[in-house]
Amino acid sequence: MLYIVATPIWNLEDITLRAINTLKEVDLIACEDTRTSSVLLNHYWIKKPLLSFHSHSWVTKIDKIMDYLQNWKKVALISDAGTPGISDPGYILIKEAILQNIEVVPIPWVTAFTTALMWSGMQMNHFLYLWFLPIKKGRQTLFKILLERRESKLSETIVIYESVHRILKTLTELWEYFWTDHNIVVARELTKKFEEFLRWSISEILLYFEENPSKLKWEFVILF
């Protein structure tokens, strides 16, 4: 049986009792980074074998995980933060388990983009989640498509993730395509001590980060 277990974004208290109990009962925990996951597991006194399963290792690890599952072992899949499969190759394992008739059980909870949506005041029942934008190929084409959707009166909220290395570039490109006075939301350090939400125009947010470079840390959620 494969359990897809959502874990906290950062605050270790943001976890369900069902998730804790599931992690205590499984035979193996597949995770992105064993060091990161150990912080959470040690906090709740969970001692289980860990297997790294991330974008650079899934090809070599998926067969080992499937061996566990095919031998009636219980495996939990977790990510470094939030819901598995959103920003990691978890969906590949889930798809393979389904193809091999392994029972898949979701243990739901939180993701970064739904947390940002809760605060944003933007439309929540109709949104387009795009993960990270392409770095090079197809990037400008995607911006043009999004602009066309907005101009055609499609009113969904668009949600993307961005890294600290490209946040200023992406904000500048949004400024170029969606006008300086277009209001967006940028969320950073979600559930941490210095959690911050910005609900300003693109030009105001750009200026804010230019004047406060120390706040350019970790990953960002952008809604527009």
C-alpha atoms as a PDB file:
ATOM      1  CA  MET A   1       0.000   0.000   0.000  1.00  0.00           C
ATOM      2  CA  LEU A   2       1.337   3.421  -0.994  1.00  0.00           C
ATOM      3  CA  TYR A   3       0.454   6.384   1.230  1.00  0.00           C
ATOM      4  CA  ILE A   4       0.832   9.892  -0.180  1.00  0.00           C
ATOM      5  CA  VAL A   5       1.398  11.932   2.976  1.00  0.00           C
ATOM      6  CA  ALA A   6       1.310  15.733   3.008  1.00  0.00           C
ATOM      7  CA  THR A   7       3.711  17.243   5.540  1.00  0.00           C
ATOM      8  CA  PRO A   8       4.217  20.786   6.897  1.00  0.00           C
ATOM      9  CA  ILE A   9       5.544  23.540   4.653  1.00  0.00           C
ATOM     10  CA  TRP A  10       7.758  24.638   7.548  1.00  0.00           C
ATOM     11  CA  ASN A  11       5.968  24.886  10.892  1.00  0.00           C
ATOM     12  CA  LEU A  12       6.180  21.378  12.329  1.00  0.00           C
ATOM     13  CA  GLU A  13       2.806  21.765  14.052  1.00  0.00           C
ATOM     14  CA  ASP A  14       1.051  21.951  10.682  1.00  0.00           C
ATOM     15  CA  ILE A  15       0.495  18.203  10.385  1.00  0.00           C
ATOM     16  CA  THR A  16      -2.527  15.994  10.930  1.00  0.00           C
ATOM     17  CA  LEU A  17      -2.817  13.198  13.472  1.00  0.00           C
ATOM     18  CA  ARG A  18      -3.600  10.854  10.604  1.00  0.00           C
ATOM     19  CA  ALA A  19      -0.330  11.764   8.890  1.00  0.00           C
ATOM     20  CA  ILE A  20       1.665  11.158  12.075  1.00  0.00           C
ATOM     21  CA  ASN A  21      -0.006   7.799  12.698  1.00  0.00           C
ATOM     22  CA  THR A  22       0.509   6.737   9.086  1.00  0.00           C
ATOM     23  CA  LEU A  23       4.211   7.568   9.178  1.00  0.00           C
ATOM     24  CA  LYS A  24       4.549   5.535  12.375  1.00  0.00           C
ATOM     25  CA  GLU A  25       2.914   2.486  10.795  1.00  0.00           C
ATOM     26  CA  VAL A  26       4.641   2.186   7.420  1.00  0.00           C
ATOM     27  CA  ASP A  27       7.641  -0.006   6.642  1.00  0.00           C
ATOM     28  CA  LEU A  28       9.486   2.562   4.524  1.00  0.00           C
ATOM     29  CA  ILE A  29       9.354   6.329   3.993  1.00  0.00           C
ATOM     30  CA  ALA A  30      10.365   7.635   0.574  1.00  0.00           C
ATOM     31  CA  CYS A  31      11.372  11.288   0.800  1.00  0.00           C
ATOM     32  CA  GLU A  32      13.158  13.986  -1.182  1.00  0.00           C
ATOM     33  CA  ASP A  33      15.978  14.727   1.269  1.00  0.00           C
ATOM     34  CA  THR A  34      16.515  12.365   4.187  1.00  0.00           C
ATOM     35  CA  ARG A  35      18.129  15.146   6.258  1.00  0.00           C
ATOM     36  CA  THR A  36      15.173  17.468   5.814  1.00  0.00           C
ATOM     37  CA  SER A  37      12.610  14.765   6.527  1.00  0.00           C
ATOM     38  CA  SER A  38      14.530  13.567   9.593  1.00  0.00           C
ATOM     39  CA  VAL A  39      13.881  16.913  11.292  1.00  0.00           C
ATOM     40  CA  LEU A  40      10.128  16.320  11.089  1.00  0.00           C
ATOM     41  CA  LEU A  41      10.302  12.610  11.889  1.00  0.00           C
ATOM     42  CA  ASN A  42      12.584  13.084  14.893  1.00  0.00           C
ATOM     43  CA  HIS A  43      10.262  15.780  16.224  1.00  0.00           C
ATOM     44  CA  TYR A  44       7.457  13.214  16.388  1.00  0.00           C
ATOM     45  CA  TRP A  45       9.656  10.304  17.468  1.00  0.00           C
ATOM     46  CA  ILE A  46       9.166   8.424  14.212  1.00  0.00           C
ATOM     47  CA  LYS A  47      11.928   5.945  13.486  1.00  0.00           C
ATOM     48  CA  LYS A  48      11.564   4.315  10.082  1.00  0.00           C
ATOM     49  CA  PRO A  49      13.901   3.430   7.203  1.00  0.00           C
ATOM     50  CA  LEU A  50      14.244   6.339   4.772  1.00  0.00           C
ATOM     51  CA  LEU A  51      14.895   6.234   1.042  1.00  0.00           C
ATOM     52  CA  SER A  52      15.705   9.360  -0.962  1.00  0.00           C
ATOM     53  CA  PHE A  53      13.383   9.819  -3.915  1.00  0.00           C
ATOM     54  CA  HIS A  54      13.806  13.083  -5.806  1.00  0.00           C
ATOM     55  CA  SER A  55      14.206  14.479  -9.293  1.00  0.00           C
ATOM     56  CA  HIS A  56      17.798  13.207  -9.576  1.00  0.00           C
ATOM     57  CA  SER A  57      17.306   9.730  -8.101  1.00  0.00           C
ATOM     58  CA  TRP A  58      13.805   8.539  -8.959  1.00  0.00           C
ATOM     59  CA  VAL A  59      14.939   6.513 -11.987  1.00  0.00           C
ATOM     60  CA  THR A  60      17.186   4.321  -9.845  1.00  0.00           C
ATOM     61  CA  LYS A  61      14.911   4.205  -6.795  1.00  0.00           C
ATOM     62  CA  ILE A  62      11.461   3.554  -8.229  1.00  0.00           C
ATOM     63  CA  ASP A  63      12.091  -0.177  -8.734  1.00  0.00           C
ATOM     64  CA  LYS A  64      13.236  -0.568  -5.131  1.00  0.00           C
ATOM     65  CA  ILE A  65      10.093   1.140  -3.857  1.00  0.00           C
ATOM     66  CA  MET A  66       7.923  -1.008  -6.120  1.00  0.00           C
ATOM     67  CA  ASP A  67       9.621  -4.131  -4.723  1.00  0.00           C
ATOM     68  CA  TYR A  68       8.500  -3.082  -1.245  1.00  0.00           C
ATOM     69  CA  LEU A  69       4.954  -2.487  -2.437  1.00  0.00           C
ATOM     70  CA  GLN A  70       4.736  -5.733  -4.393  1.00  0.00           C
ATOM     71  CA  ASN A  71       5.825  -7.625  -1.285  1.00  0.00           C
ATOM     72  CA  TRP A  72       2.887  -6.237   0.689  1.00  0.00           C
ATOM     73  CA  LYS A  73       4.933  -3.623   2.491  1.00  0.00           C
ATOM     74  CA  LYS A  74       3.525  -0.230   3.407  1.00  0.00           C
ATOM     75  CA  VAL A  75       5.361   2.755   1.935  1.00  0.00           C
ATOM     76  CA  ALA A  76       4.781   6.444   2.653  1.00  0.00           C
ATOM     77  CA  LEU A  77       5.795   9.077   0.123  1.00  0.00           C
ATOM     78  CA  ILE A  78       6.559  12.525   1.530  1.00  0.00           C
ATOM     79  CA  SER A  79       8.184  15.645   0.106  1.00  0.00           C
ATOM     80  CA  ASP A  80      10.464  18.181   1.754  1.00  0.00           C
ATOM     81  CA  ALA A  81       7.421  20.386   2.300  1.00  0.00           C
ATOM     82  CA  GLY A  82       3.731  20.215   1.531  1.00  0.00           C
ATOM     83  CA  THR A  83       1.986  17.747  -0.748  1.00  0.00           C
ATOM     84  CA  PRO A  84       3.985  15.123  -2.688  1.00  0.00           C
ATOM     85  CA  GLY A  85       3.709  15.371  -6.449  1.00  0.00           C
ATOM     86  CA  ILE A  86       3.299  19.146  -6.599  1.00  0.00           C
ATOM     87  CA  SER A  87       6.980  20.068  -6.971  1.00  0.00           C
ATOM     88  CA  ASP A  88       8.666  16.666  -7.088  1.00  0.00           C
ATOM     89  CA  PRO A  89       8.468  13.428  -9.141  1.00  0.00           C
ATOM     90  CA  GLY A  90       5.974  11.856  -6.759  1.00  0.00           C
ATOM     91  CA  TYR A  91       3.325  11.570  -9.466  1.00  0.00           C
ATOM     92  CA  ILE A  92       5.617   9.177 -11.381  1.00  0.00           C
ATOM     93  CA  LEU A  93       5.634   6.759  -8.445  1.00  0.00           C
ATOM     94  CA  ILE A  94       1.885   7.158  -7.974  1.00  0.00           C
ATOM     95  CA  LYS A  95       1.257   6.429 -11.651  1.00  0.00           C
ATOM     96  CA  GLU A  96       3.469   3.332 -11.547  1.00  0.00           C
ATOM     97  CA  ALA A  97       1.718   2.039  -8.425  1.00  0.00           C
ATOM     98  CA  ILE A  98      -1.669   2.462 -10.100  1.00  0.00           C
ATOM     99  CA  LEU A  99      -0.447   0.639 -13.223  1.00  0.00           C
ATOM    100  CA  GLN A 100       0.673  -2.270 -11.035  1.00  0.00           C
ATOM    101  CA  ASN A 101      -2.601  -2.357  -9.084  1.00  0.00           C
ATOM    102  CA  ILE A 102      -1.054  -1.130  -5.845  1.00  0.00           C
ATOM    103  CA  GLU A 103      -3.550   0.604  -3.577  1.00  0.00           C
ATOM    104  CA  VAL A 104      -2.815   4.323  -3.230  1.00  0.00           C
ATOM    105  CA  VAL A 105      -4.091   6.203  -0.172  1.00  0.00           C
ATOM    106  CA  PRO A 106      -3.865  10.020  -0.011  1.00  0.00           C
ATOM    107  CA  ILE A 107      -3.302  11.628   3.395  1.00  0.00           C
ATOM    108  CA  PRO A 108      -4.116  15.252   2.512  1.00  0.00           C
ATOM    109  CA  TRP A 109      -3.151  18.542   4.060  1.00  0.00           C
ATOM    110  CA  VAL A 110      -1.340  21.644   2.855  1.00  0.00           C
ATOM    111  CA  THR A 111       0.549  23.100  -0.117  1.00  0.00           C
ATOM    112  CA  ALA A 112       2.332  26.437  -0.450  1.00  0.00           C
ATOM    113  CA  PHE A 113       0.131  27.714  -3.255  1.00  0.00           C
ATOM    114  CA  THR A 114      -3.164  26.912  -1.496  1.00  0.00           C
ATOM    115  CA  THR A 115      -1.845  28.685   1.611  1.00  0.00           C
ATOM    116  CA  ALA A 116      -1.088  31.760  -0.501  1.00  0.00           C
ATOM    117  CA  LEU A 117      -4.504  31.511  -2.185  1.00  0.00           C
ATOM    118  CA  MET A 118      -6.208  31.536   1.211  1.00  0.00           C
ATOM    119  CA  TRP A 119      -4.722  34.940   1.969  1.00  0.00           C
ATOM    120  CA  SER A 120      -4.754  36.477  -1.492  1.00  0.00           C
ATOM    121  CA  GLY A 121      -8.347  37.615  -1.805  1.00  0.00           C
ATOM    122  CA  MET A 122      -8.193  36.388  -5.391  1.00  0.00           C
ATOM    123  CA  GLN A 123     -10.554  33.921  -6.998  1.00  0.00           C
ATOM    124  CA  MET A 124     -10.024  30.509  -5.399  1.00  0.00           C
ATOM    125  CA  ASN A 125     -12.612  28.359  -7.159  1.00  0.00           C
ATOM    126  CA  HIS A 126     -11.042  28.887 -10.581  1.00  0.00           C
ATOM    127  CA  PHE A 127      -7.260  29.032 -10.796  1.00  0.00           C
ATOM    128  CA  LEU A 128      -4.444  27.880 -13.057  1.00  0.00           C
ATOM    129  CA  TYR A 129      -1.420  26.369 -11.328  1.00  0.00           C
ATOM    130  CA  LEU A 130       1.733  26.346 -13.478  1.00  0.00           C
ATOM    131  CA  TRP A 131       4.490  25.315 -11.030  1.00  0.00           C
ATOM    132  CA  PHE A 132       7.802  26.954 -12.110  1.00  0.00           C
ATOM    133  CA  LEU A 133       7.880  28.798 -15.417  1.00  0.00           C
ATOM    134  CA  PRO A 134      10.225  27.515 -18.140  1.00  0.00           C
ATOM    135  CA  ILE A 135      13.713  28.926 -17.667  1.00  0.00           C
ATOM    136  CA  LYS A 136      14.382  29.569 -21.360  1.00  0.00           C
ATOM    137  CA  LYS A 137      12.548  27.652 -24.075  1.00  0.00           C
ATOM    138  CA  GLY A 138       8.860  28.510 -24.230  1.00  0.00           C
ATOM    139  CA  ARG A 139       9.008  31.140 -21.488  1.00  0.00           C
ATOM    140  CA  GLN A 140       8.044  34.155 -23.586  1.00  0.00           C
ATOM    141  CA  THR A 141       5.450  32.119 -25.465  1.00  0.00           C
ATOM    142  CA  LEU A 142       3.834  31.186 -22.170  1.00  0.00           C
ATOM    143  CA  PHE A 143       3.697  34.818 -21.066  1.00  0.00           C
ATOM    144  CA  LYS A 144       1.952  35.723 -24.319  1.00  0.00           C
ATOM    145  CA  ILE A 145      -0.580  32.908 -23.845  1.00  0.00           C
ATOM    146  CA  LEU A 146      -1.320  34.060 -20.296  1.00  0.00           C
ATOM    147  CA  LEU A 147      -1.777  37.623 -21.512  1.00  0.00           C
ATOM    148  CA  GLU A 148      -4.197  36.414 -24.194  1.00  0.00           C
ATOM    149  CA  ARG A 149      -6.188  34.489 -21.575  1.00  0.00           C
ATOM    150  CA  ARG A 150      -6.426  37.604 -19.420  1.00  0.00           C
ATOM    151  CA  GLU A 151      -7.441  39.815 -22.328  1.00  0.00           C
ATOM    152  CA  SER A 152     -10.111  37.294 -23.382  1.00  0.00           C
ATOM    153  CA  LYS A 153     -11.794  37.817 -19.987  1.00  0.00           C
ATOM    154  CA  LEU A 154     -10.750  34.465 -18.580  1.00  0.00           C
ATOM    155  CA  SER A 155     -10.643  35.513 -14.956  1.00  0.00           C
ATOM    156  CA  GLU A 156      -8.844  32.614 -13.292  1.00  0.00           C
ATOM    157  CA  THR A 157      -6.120  33.305 -10.779  1.00  0.00           C
ATOM    158  CA  ILE A 158      -2.746  32.258 -12.166  1.00  0.00           C
ATOM    159  CA  VAL A 159      -0.369  30.679  -9.654  1.00  0.00           C
ATOM    160  CA  ILE A 160       3.346  30.063 -10.138  1.00  0.00           C
ATOM    161  CA  TYR A 161       6.356  29.211  -8.007  1.00  0.00           C
ATOM    162  CA  GLU A 162       9.642  31.041  -8.409  1.00  0.00           C
ATOM    163  CA  SER A 163      13.141  30.618  -7.020  1.00  0.00           C
ATOM    164  CA  VAL A 164      15.251  33.267  -5.373  1.00  0.00           C
ATOM    165  CA  HIS A 165      17.520  33.229  -8.436  1.00  0.00           C
ATOM    166  CA  ARG A 166      14.789  34.293 -10.879  1.00  0.00           C
ATOM    167  CA  ILE A 167      12.227  36.188  -8.792  1.00  0.00           C
ATOM    168  CA  LEU A 168      13.352  39.646  -9.950  1.00  0.00           C
ATOM    169  CA  LYS A 169      13.525  38.526 -13.582  1.00  0.00           C
ATOM    170  CA  THR A 170      10.022  37.064 -13.412  1.00  0.00           C
ATOM    171  CA  LEU A 171       8.582  40.140 -11.716  1.00  0.00           C
ATOM    172  CA  THR A 172      10.187  42.328 -14.377  1.00  0.00           C
ATOM    173  CA  GLU A 173       8.663  40.205 -17.149  1.00  0.00           C
ATOM    174  CA  LEU A 174       5.254  40.338 -15.466  1.00  0.00           C
ATOM    175  CA  TRP A 175       5.694  44.110 -15.349  1.00  0.00           C
ATOM    176  CA  GLU A 176       6.403  44.132 -19.087  1.00  0.00           C
ATOM    177  CA  TYR A 177       3.413  41.945 -20.006  1.00  0.00           C
ATOM    178  CA  PHE A 178       0.806  42.870 -17.404  1.00  0.00           C
ATOM    179  CA  TRP A 179       1.483  46.592 -16.793  1.00  0.00           C
ATOM    180  CA  THR A 180       3.084  48.276 -13.810  1.00  0.00           C
ATOM    181  CA  ASP A 181      -0.168  48.945 -11.957  1.00  0.00           C
ATOM    182  CA  HIS A 182      -1.462  45.377 -12.199  1.00  0.00           C
ATOM    183  CA  ASN A 183      -1.919  44.048  -8.645  1.00  0.00           C
ATOM    184  CA  ILE A 184      -0.393  40.713  -7.779  1.00  0.00           C
ATOM    185  CA  VAL A 185       0.350  38.712  -4.637  1.00  0.00           C
ATOM    186  CA  VAL A 186       3.784  37.467  -3.642  1.00  0.00           C
ATOM    187  CA  ALA A 187       4.138  35.139  -0.648  1.00  0.00           C
ATOM    188  CA  ARG A 188       7.407  34.131   0.969  1.00  0.00           C
ATOM    189  CA  GLU A 189       8.615  32.081   3.956  1.00  0.00           C
ATOM    190  CA  LEU A 190       5.145  30.595   4.392  1.00  0.00           C
ATOM    191  CA  THR A 191       4.356  29.327   7.925  1.00  0.00           C
ATOM    192  CA  LYS A 192       7.788  30.479   9.138  1.00  0.00           C
ATOM    193  CA  LYS A 193       8.454  33.128  11.775  1.00  0.00           C
ATOM    194  CA  PHE A 194       8.971  35.827   9.139  1.00  0.00           C
ATOM    195  CA  GLU A 195       6.113  34.779   6.846  1.00  0.00           C
ATOM    196  CA  GLU A 196       5.290  37.619   4.491  1.00  0.00           C
ATOM    197  CA  PHE A 197       2.490  38.372   2.026  1.00  0.00           C
ATOM    198  CA  LEU A 198       2.616  41.287  -0.406  1.00  0.00           C
ATOM    199  CA  ARG A 199      -0.508  42.496  -2.193  1.00  0.00           C
ATOM    200  CA  TRP A 200       0.665  45.426  -4.312  1.00  0.00           C
ATOM    201  CA  SER A 201       1.224  46.457  -7.901  1.00  0.00           C
ATOM    202  CA  ILE A 202       4.078  44.781  -9.767  1.00  0.00           C
ATOM    203  CA  SER A 203       6.118  47.974  -9.772  1.00  0.00           C
ATOM    204  CA  GLU A 204       5.675  48.412  -6.008  1.00  0.00           C
ATOM    205  CA  ILE A 205       6.762  44.835  -5.303  1.00  0.00           C
ATOM    206  CA  LEU A 206       9.791  45.176  -7.561  1.00  0.00           C
ATOM    207  CA  LEU A 207      10.791  48.347  -5.745  1.00  0.00           C
ATOM    208  CA  TYR A 208      10.255  46.652  -2.367  1.00  0.00           C
ATOM    209  CA  PHE A 209      12.668  43.820  -3.163  1.00  0.00           C
ATOM    210  CA  GLU A 210      15.189  46.165  -4.724  1.00  0.00           C
ATOM    211  CA  GLU A 211      15.193  48.187  -1.490  1.00  0.00           C
ATOM    212  CA  ASN A 212      15.147  45.065   0.734  1.00  0.00           C
ATOM    213  CA  PRO A 213      17.533  42.544  -0.868  1.00  0.00           C
ATOM    214  CA  SER A 214      17.806  40.651   2.432  1.00  0.00           C
ATOM    215  CA  LYS A 215      14.257  39.395   1.834  1.00  0.00           C
ATOM    216  CA  LEU A 216      15.268  37.603  -1.354  1.00  0.00           C
ATOM    217  CA  LYS A 217      15.440  34.155   0.251  1.00  0.00           C
ATOM    218  CA  TRP A 218      13.975  30.695  -0.327  1.00  0.00           C
ATOM    219  CA  GLU A 219      11.142  30.211  -2.813  1.00  0.00           C
ATOM    220  CA  PHE A 220       8.201  32.427  -3.666  1.00  0.00           C
ATOM    221  CA  VAL A 221       4.563  31.943  -4.624  1.00  0.00           C
ATOM    222  CA  ILE A 222       3.244  34.474  -7.132  1.00  0.00           C
ATOM    223  CA  LEU A 223      -0.454  34.965  -7.900  1.00  0.00           C
ATOM    224  CA  PHE A 224      -1.724  37.274 -10.600  1.00  0.00           C
END
